[in-house]
Protein backbone atom coordinates (compact mmCIF):
# COMPACT_ATOMS: atom_id res chain seq x y z
CA MET A 1 125.22 29.90 83.09
CA SER A 2 126.44 31.59 86.28
CA GLU A 3 124.30 34.13 88.11
CA SER A 4 126.63 36.98 87.11
CA ALA A 5 126.63 35.86 83.47
CA SER A 6 122.84 35.67 83.48
CA ALA A 7 122.70 39.20 84.90
CA LEU A 8 124.98 40.54 82.15
CA LEU A 9 122.91 38.90 79.43
CA THR A 10 119.64 40.09 80.97
CA LEU A 11 120.97 43.63 81.07
CA ALA A 12 122.16 43.42 77.47
CA LYS A 13 118.79 42.10 76.30
CA GLN A 14 117.03 44.97 78.07
CA ILE A 15 119.29 47.54 76.40
CA ALA A 16 118.82 45.80 73.05
CA LYS A 17 115.01 45.83 73.21
CA GLU A 18 114.37 49.12 74.99
CA ILE A 19 117.12 51.32 73.54
CA ALA A 20 118.83 49.78 70.50
CA ALA A 21 115.69 48.52 68.75
CA PRO A 22 113.70 51.80 68.71
CA HIS A 23 116.63 53.60 67.03
CA ALA A 24 117.82 50.81 64.71
CA ASP A 25 115.94 51.99 61.61
CA ALA A 26 117.14 55.58 62.06
CA VAL A 27 120.72 54.41 62.59
CA ASP A 28 120.48 52.47 59.33
CA ARG A 29 118.63 55.10 57.33
CA ASP A 30 120.87 58.00 58.36
CA ALA A 31 124.10 55.97 58.52
CA ARG A 32 124.64 57.39 61.99
CA PHE A 33 126.41 56.02 65.04
CA PRO A 34 124.04 54.31 67.54
CA HIS A 35 124.81 56.78 70.32
CA GLU A 36 121.83 55.78 72.44
CA ALA A 37 122.67 52.08 72.59
CA ILE A 38 126.42 52.52 73.05
CA ASN A 39 125.87 55.08 75.82
CA ALA A 40 123.54 52.62 77.53
CA LEU A 41 126.17 49.86 77.26
CA LYS A 42 128.70 52.25 78.82
CA GLN A 43 126.35 53.16 81.67
CA ALA A 44 125.79 49.45 82.33
CA LYS A 45 129.61 48.95 82.31
CA LEU A 46 129.28 46.29 79.65
CA LEU A 47 132.24 47.66 77.67
CA SER A 48 134.50 46.39 80.47
CA ALA A 49 132.66 43.08 80.95
CA TYR A 50 135.66 40.93 79.95
CA ILE A 51 138.21 42.71 82.14
CA PRO A 52 139.19 40.56 85.16
CA GLU A 53 137.52 41.23 88.48
CA GLU A 54 140.90 42.07 90.04
CA LEU A 55 141.01 45.13 87.78
CA GLY A 56 137.39 46.07 88.45
CA GLY A 57 135.71 44.33 85.51
CA ALA A 58 133.03 41.66 85.52
CA GLY A 59 135.39 38.86 84.44
CA ALA A 60 132.95 37.70 81.77
CA SER A 61 133.83 34.82 79.46
CA LEU A 62 134.03 34.94 75.68
CA THR A 63 130.93 32.74 75.59
CA GLU A 64 129.00 35.38 77.50
CA LEU A 65 130.17 38.09 75.12
CA VAL A 66 129.03 36.04 72.12
CA GLU A 67 125.59 35.70 73.73
CA ILE A 68 125.46 39.47 74.25
CA CYS A 69 126.39 40.01 70.58
CA ASP A 70 123.57 37.68 69.59
CA ALA A 71 121.07 39.58 71.76
CA LEU A 72 122.17 42.97 70.44
CA GLY A 73 122.28 41.70 66.85
CA GLN A 74 118.63 40.71 67.00
CA GLN A 75 117.70 44.36 67.50
CA CYS A 76 120.46 46.48 65.93
CA SER A 77 123.29 44.84 64.05
CA ALA A 78 125.42 48.01 64.05
CA THR A 79 125.32 48.14 67.84
CA ALA A 80 126.19 44.46 68.02
CA MET A 81 129.12 44.79 65.62
CA ILE A 82 130.53 47.84 67.42
CA PHE A 83 130.30 45.99 70.72
CA ALA A 84 132.00 42.95 69.16
CA MET A 85 134.83 44.95 67.59
CA HIS A 86 135.45 46.78 70.87
CA GLN A 87 135.57 43.51 72.81
CA ILE A 88 138.13 42.06 70.37
CA GLN A 89 140.45 44.89 71.40
CA VAL A 90 139.76 44.44 75.11
CA ILE A 91 140.34 40.70 74.98
CA THR A 92 143.62 41.23 73.13
CA LEU A 93 144.83 43.63 75.83
CA VAL A 94 143.76 41.36 78.68
CA ARG A 95 145.43 38.30 77.18
CA HIS A 96 148.64 39.89 75.93
CA ALA A 97 149.41 43.07 77.88
CA LEU A 98 148.63 42.43 81.54
CA ASP A 99 152.32 42.15 82.40
CA ASN A 100 152.71 45.79 81.34
CA PRO A 101 151.94 48.22 84.23
CA TRP A 102 150.79 50.89 81.79
CA TYR A 103 148.16 48.57 80.34
CA ARG A 104 147.04 47.30 83.73
CA GLN A 105 146.29 50.87 84.73
CA TYR A 106 144.64 51.54 81.38
CA LEU A 107 142.27 48.62 81.87
CA ARG A 108 141.39 49.89 85.35
CA ASP A 109 140.65 53.27 83.82
CA LEU A 110 138.57 51.63 81.09
CA VAL A 111 136.36 50.07 83.77
CA GLU A 112 135.82 53.47 85.33
CA HIS A 113 135.41 55.55 82.18
CA GLN A 114 134.12 52.90 79.73
CA TYR A 115 136.45 53.87 76.90
CA LEU A 116 135.35 52.64 73.48
CA ILE A 117 138.30 51.18 71.54
CA ALA A 118 138.41 50.95 67.75
CA SER A 119 140.81 48.91 65.64
CA VAL A 120 143.09 50.27 62.92
CA THR A 121 144.46 47.37 60.87
CA SER A 122 143.51 48.23 57.27
CA GLU A 123 145.79 50.46 55.24
CA VAL A 124 146.19 51.95 51.80
CA GLY A 125 148.45 49.63 49.81
CA VAL A 126 147.64 46.48 51.78
CA GLY A 127 143.84 46.82 51.97
CA GLY A 128 142.29 44.60 54.59
CA GLU A 129 145.34 42.33 54.94
CA MET A 130 145.68 42.51 58.71
CA ARG A 131 149.02 40.73 58.80
CA ARG A 132 150.86 43.34 56.73
CA SER A 133 151.59 47.01 57.38
CA SER A 134 153.18 49.76 55.35
CA CYS A 135 153.37 52.30 58.16
CA CYS A 136 155.90 51.92 60.95
CA VAL A 137 156.58 52.97 64.51
CA GLU A 138 159.31 55.57 64.81
CA SER A 139 160.74 55.65 68.34
CA ASP A 140 163.56 57.46 70.12
CA GLY A 141 163.46 54.95 72.98
CA ALA A 142 161.13 56.94 75.20
CA GLU A 143 158.44 58.16 72.82
CA PHE A 144 157.03 57.11 69.46
CA ARG A 145 155.16 58.53 66.54
CA LEU A 146 153.30 56.87 63.68
CA VAL A 147 151.24 57.88 60.68
CA LYS A 148 148.80 55.42 59.11
CA ASN A 149 146.60 55.92 56.05
CA ALA A 150 143.73 53.58 56.94
CA THR A 151 141.21 52.46 54.33
CA THR A 152 138.58 52.13 57.04
CA ILE A 153 138.27 52.68 60.78
CA SER A 154 134.96 51.50 62.13
CA TYR A 155 133.45 54.12 64.47
CA GLY A 156 136.82 55.88 64.28
CA ALA A 157 135.39 59.34 64.86
CA GLN A 158 133.34 58.11 67.84
CA ALA A 159 136.02 55.96 69.53
CA ASP A 160 137.82 57.04 72.67
CA ASP A 161 141.06 55.24 71.82
CA LEU A 162 142.55 53.25 68.94
CA LEU A 163 144.49 49.98 68.78
CA VAL A 164 146.80 50.21 65.77
CA THR A 165 149.02 47.78 63.86
CA ALA A 166 152.29 49.05 62.37
CA ARG A 167 155.70 47.73 61.39
CA ARG A 168 157.89 47.38 64.46
CA ALA A 169 160.53 49.77 63.10
CA PRO A 170 161.35 51.63 59.86
CA ASP A 171 163.59 48.78 58.69
CA ALA A 172 161.18 45.97 59.69
CA ALA A 173 159.46 43.70 57.18
CA ASN A 174 155.80 44.44 56.49
CA SER A 175 154.82 41.32 58.45
CA ASP A 176 156.97 42.26 61.48
CA GLN A 177 154.26 44.19 63.28
CA SER A 178 153.61 45.72 66.67
CA LEU A 179 150.26 46.57 68.25
CA ILE A 180 149.98 49.98 69.86
CA LEU A 181 147.17 51.62 71.77
CA VAL A 182 146.97 55.35 71.10
CA ARG A 183 145.00 57.75 73.28
CA LYS A 184 142.48 60.22 71.91
CA SER A 185 144.37 63.18 73.34
CA ALA A 186 147.51 62.15 71.41
CA TYR A 187 146.19 61.41 67.91
CA SER A 188 144.42 63.19 65.10
CA LEU A 189 142.16 61.80 62.39
CA GLU A 190 141.69 63.34 58.96
CA GLN A 191 138.67 61.82 57.25
CA LYS A 192 139.52 60.88 53.65
CA GLY A 193 136.17 59.62 52.39
CA HIS A 194 132.58 58.76 53.28
CA TRP A 195 130.61 55.77 54.59
CA ASP A 196 127.50 55.42 52.42
CA THR A 197 127.07 51.67 52.21
CA MET A 198 124.44 49.06 51.52
CA GLY A 199 124.46 47.68 55.06
CA MET A 200 126.10 48.01 58.48
CA ARG A 201 125.66 51.72 57.97
CA GLY A 202 125.71 52.56 61.67
CA THR A 203 129.26 51.30 62.15
CA CYS A 204 130.44 54.57 60.54
CA SER A 205 133.63 53.22 58.94
CA PRO A 206 135.13 55.77 56.52
CA PRO A 207 138.84 55.99 55.67
CA PHE A 208 141.08 58.17 57.86
CA LEU A 209 144.63 59.42 57.94
CA LEU A 210 145.84 58.76 61.49
CA SER A 211 148.71 60.64 63.12
CA ALA A 212 149.63 59.58 66.66
CA THR A 213 152.26 59.94 69.35
CA GLY A 214 152.82 58.31 72.73
CA ILE A 215 155.29 56.67 75.06
CA THR A 216 156.96 53.35 74.27
CA ALA A 217 155.09 51.62 77.12
CA GLN A 218 152.07 51.76 74.83
CA ILE A 219 153.78 49.40 72.35
CA ILE A 220 152.80 45.86 73.32
CA ALA A 221 155.87 43.64 73.60
CA THR A 222 154.29 40.51 72.12
CA PRO A 223 154.66 40.39 68.31
CA PHE A 224 151.34 40.99 66.60
CA ALA A 225 151.78 37.76 64.62
CA ASP A 226 151.53 35.78 67.86
CA MET A 227 148.53 37.75 69.09
CA SER A 228 146.80 37.39 65.75
CA SER A 229 146.91 33.62 65.57
CA VAL A 230 145.88 32.81 69.14
CA THR A 231 143.52 35.70 69.90
CA VAL A 232 142.66 38.33 67.30
CA VAL A 233 141.54 36.09 64.43
CA PRO A 234 139.64 33.39 66.36
CA VAL A 235 138.02 35.89 68.74
CA SER A 236 136.96 38.06 65.80
CA HIS A 237 135.34 35.16 63.99
CA LEU A 238 133.54 33.97 67.12
CA LEU A 239 132.21 37.39 68.14
CA TRP A 240 131.23 38.23 64.57
CA SER A 241 129.38 34.93 64.35
CA GLY A 242 127.46 35.98 67.47
CA CYS A 243 126.35 39.16 65.70
CA TRP A 244 125.39 37.19 62.60
CA GLN A 245 123.39 34.71 64.65
CA GLY A 246 121.47 37.67 66.05
CA ILE A 247 120.66 39.01 62.57
CA ALA A 248 119.58 35.53 61.46
CA ALA A 249 117.41 35.09 64.55
CA ALA A 250 115.73 38.44 63.96
CA ALA A 251 114.78 37.39 60.43
CA VAL A 252 113.59 33.98 61.59
CA ASN A 253 111.50 35.53 64.38
CA LYS A 254 109.76 37.80 61.88
CA ALA A 255 109.06 34.83 59.61
CA ARG A 256 107.71 32.86 62.57
CA ALA A 257 105.39 35.73 63.53
CA PHE A 258 104.18 35.95 59.93
CA VAL A 259 103.36 32.23 59.73
CA ARG A 260 101.59 32.32 63.11
CA GLY A 261 99.50 35.21 61.85
CA GLN A 262 98.48 33.14 58.83
CA ALA A 263 97.57 30.24 61.11
CA ARG A 264 95.41 32.44 63.33
CA ALA A 265 93.61 33.80 60.27
CA ASN A 266 92.64 30.24 59.26
CA PRO A 267 92.11 28.17 62.42
CA GLY A 268 92.54 24.44 62.04
CA THR A 269 94.82 24.69 59.01
CA VAL A 270 98.58 24.59 58.63
CA PRO A 271 99.77 27.40 56.33
CA PRO A 272 101.92 26.30 53.36
CA THR A 273 104.65 28.61 54.66
CA ALA A 274 104.94 26.52 57.84
CA LEU A 275 107.02 23.94 55.98
CA ARG A 276 109.44 26.64 54.82
CA LEU A 277 109.58 27.94 58.39
CA ALA A 278 110.54 24.50 59.68
CA GLU A 279 113.42 24.42 57.21
CA LEU A 280 114.44 27.93 58.23
CA VAL A 281 114.54 27.13 61.94
CA SER A 282 116.69 24.10 61.16
CA MET A 283 119.16 26.32 59.29
CA LEU A 284 119.39 28.73 62.22
CA GLN A 285 119.95 25.84 64.61
CA THR A 286 122.75 24.51 62.42
CA LEU A 287 124.42 27.93 62.33
CA ARG A 288 124.27 28.23 66.10
CA THR A 289 125.40 24.66 66.71
CA THR A 290 128.43 25.04 64.46
CA SER A 291 129.43 28.33 66.10
CA GLN A 292 128.87 26.94 69.58
CA ALA A 293 131.08 23.93 68.91
CA CYS A 294 133.95 26.17 67.78
CA LEU A 295 133.38 28.49 70.74
CA MET A 296 133.48 25.66 73.29
CA GLU A 297 136.69 24.28 71.80
CA TYR A 298 138.33 27.70 71.78
CA GLU A 299 137.37 28.37 75.41
CA GLN A 300 138.91 25.02 76.39
CA LEU A 301 142.11 25.64 74.45
CA THR A 302 142.56 29.17 75.75
CA ALA A 303 142.08 27.95 79.31
CA ALA A 304 145.07 25.65 78.75
CA TYR A 305 146.98 28.41 77.00
CA SER A 306 146.36 31.02 79.68
CA VAL A 307 147.81 28.93 82.51
CA ASP A 308 150.83 28.03 80.35
CA THR A 309 150.72 24.35 81.26
CA GLY A 310 152.78 23.28 78.29
CA ASP A 311 149.94 20.95 77.35
CA SER A 312 149.77 20.18 73.65
CA ALA A 313 146.20 21.51 73.61
CA SER A 314 147.46 25.07 74.03
CA ASP A 315 149.83 24.63 71.07
CA ARG A 316 146.89 23.92 68.78
CA LEU A 317 145.93 27.59 68.77
CA SER A 318 148.90 28.35 66.53
CA THR A 319 148.59 25.40 64.16
CA MET A 320 147.50 25.61 60.53
CA GLY A 321 144.82 23.03 61.22
CA TYR A 322 143.21 25.20 63.86
CA ALA A 323 143.53 28.32 61.71
CA LEU A 324 141.69 26.47 58.94
CA LYS A 325 138.90 25.52 61.32
CA MET A 326 138.37 29.11 62.50
CA ASN A 327 138.59 30.45 58.95
CA ASN A 328 136.00 27.91 57.85
CA LEU A 329 133.68 29.01 60.65
CA LYS A 330 133.80 32.57 59.36
CA ILE A 331 133.24 31.53 55.75
CA GLN A 332 130.36 29.17 56.56
CA ALA A 333 128.59 31.54 58.94
CA SER A 334 128.89 34.47 56.53
CA GLN A 335 127.46 32.35 53.71
CA ASP A 336 124.63 30.89 55.80
CA LEU A 337 123.44 34.26 57.11
CA PRO A 338 122.21 35.85 53.84
CA GLU A 339 120.67 32.52 52.82
CA ILE A 340 118.68 32.40 56.07
CA VAL A 341 117.48 35.98 55.68
CA THR A 342 116.57 35.42 52.03
CA LYS A 343 114.47 32.38 52.94
CA ALA A 344 112.76 34.39 55.68
CA LEU A 345 111.98 37.04 53.06
CA SER A 346 110.41 34.42 50.78
CA ILE A 347 108.15 33.30 53.63
CA CYS A 348 106.93 36.82 54.38
CA GLY A 349 106.57 37.67 50.70
CA ILE A 350 105.62 41.23 49.79
CA LEU A 351 105.34 42.21 53.46
CA GLY A 352 108.97 41.20 53.91
CA TYR A 353 109.91 43.20 50.82
CA LYS A 354 108.21 46.44 51.94
CA ASN A 355 110.29 48.80 54.05
CA ASP A 356 107.30 50.07 56.04
CA SER A 357 106.16 46.61 57.13
CA PRO A 358 106.74 45.04 60.57
CA PHE A 359 108.02 42.00 58.64
CA SER A 360 110.53 43.97 56.56
CA MET A 361 113.75 42.10 55.81
CA SER A 362 115.52 44.99 54.11
CA ARG A 363 117.90 45.96 56.90
CA HIS A 364 118.62 42.35 57.85
CA LEU A 365 119.39 41.34 54.26
CA ARG A 366 121.63 44.32 53.55
CA ASP A 367 123.51 43.84 56.82
CA ALA A 368 123.80 40.11 56.15
CA HIS A 369 125.77 40.71 52.97
CA SER A 370 128.46 42.57 54.91
CA ALA A 371 129.49 39.32 56.59
CA ALA A 372 131.32 37.94 53.56
CA LEU A 373 133.22 41.22 53.18
CA MET A 374 134.55 41.60 56.73
CA VAL A 375 137.93 40.25 55.75
CA GLY A 376 136.80 39.05 52.34
CA ASN A 377 135.93 35.39 52.01
CA ASP A 378 138.02 35.14 48.84
CA ARG A 379 141.04 36.38 50.77
CA ILE A 380 140.42 33.81 53.52
CA LEU A 381 139.89 31.02 50.99
CA ALA A 382 143.17 31.94 49.30
CA THR A 383 144.92 31.66 52.68
CA ASN A 384 143.22 28.31 53.29
CA ALA A 385 144.31 27.06 49.88
CA THR A 386 147.94 27.86 50.64
CA MET A 387 147.76 26.11 54.02
CA LEU A 388 146.11 23.04 52.51
CA LEU A 389 149.06 22.61 50.17
CA ILE A 390 151.32 22.29 53.22
CA LEU A 391 149.06 20.65 55.80
CA LYS A 392 149.34 16.90 56.13
CA ASP A 393 146.26 14.71 55.81
CA ASN A 394 144.34 13.97 59.00
């Protein structure tokens, strides 16, 4: 790890422990936005960590962002997920819009002002199917307008700007999409429901009716289909897995502290729960190893892709085989997480079940079950099934 990367992670860990952690229970209980932690991340300029140094950012790698998500997730999963979802938007802009002068200036401004960007991909009629849109961009050549009835916009009311998918034109197919960044001063949100959920309550993700205007320079030229396959989907799964690793680690750390307490109470003996703890640590290691392997491969492939060498490695990002691998990472990680937390709960017993206990697993377990629903696993498995009918054997 480079010195700058170590400094970013150290700063994130400090914010996680000193600011996010003390407010995590209140954020969960009241289903409120984690203002304290996000403001601290802004003050530390971590929202612009991925932006290249030439534009004023820290030039952090995706690997470093995953580590930050892990650190934040250990203390407040809502903070971690908000950070992750924001970084997905930033990475998409850096990788696909830097040839647009408007976006280059926007990213410079983001470094200075630490804008928080939310994503608007869900929509009434298509649900969470990111690769389809009902709404469209209506443009007169200089300016555009769009209206989108979103089923959910995570931290929509708290975001500074929104990155929105829509059909390229009124006569475009629902899969012919553009990606557009809309500024807070040029859009309105009408909340259409509430966010009273089992877990991830602090992400504040109710449905909204979005109405926005802007100039056509804000419409990214690259088709969203291309951005989705090489950036949006794999980056989402990798950053989400970082958050989930953090939740899993938090549960494991509580179980470890519980078993150590039992051992101290009976010196010279190994508590029966120690065996279960050994199994639990192995499960966490497997989760992290699997995610790390996918992350390393993606970093290598995107390095080839970004320099446009024409190497066959860069082409792999758009293949069905690679899409299957990234989809499988999401499915496996989201299934492993609640199992890890449940096993940690069984180790801590009644103290893990009680909400007022330092070993409480309630928040971790409820948040863990959100993982399978963030783009539903059944939807992903259905996509995988279709691809497997076409994909040739290895």
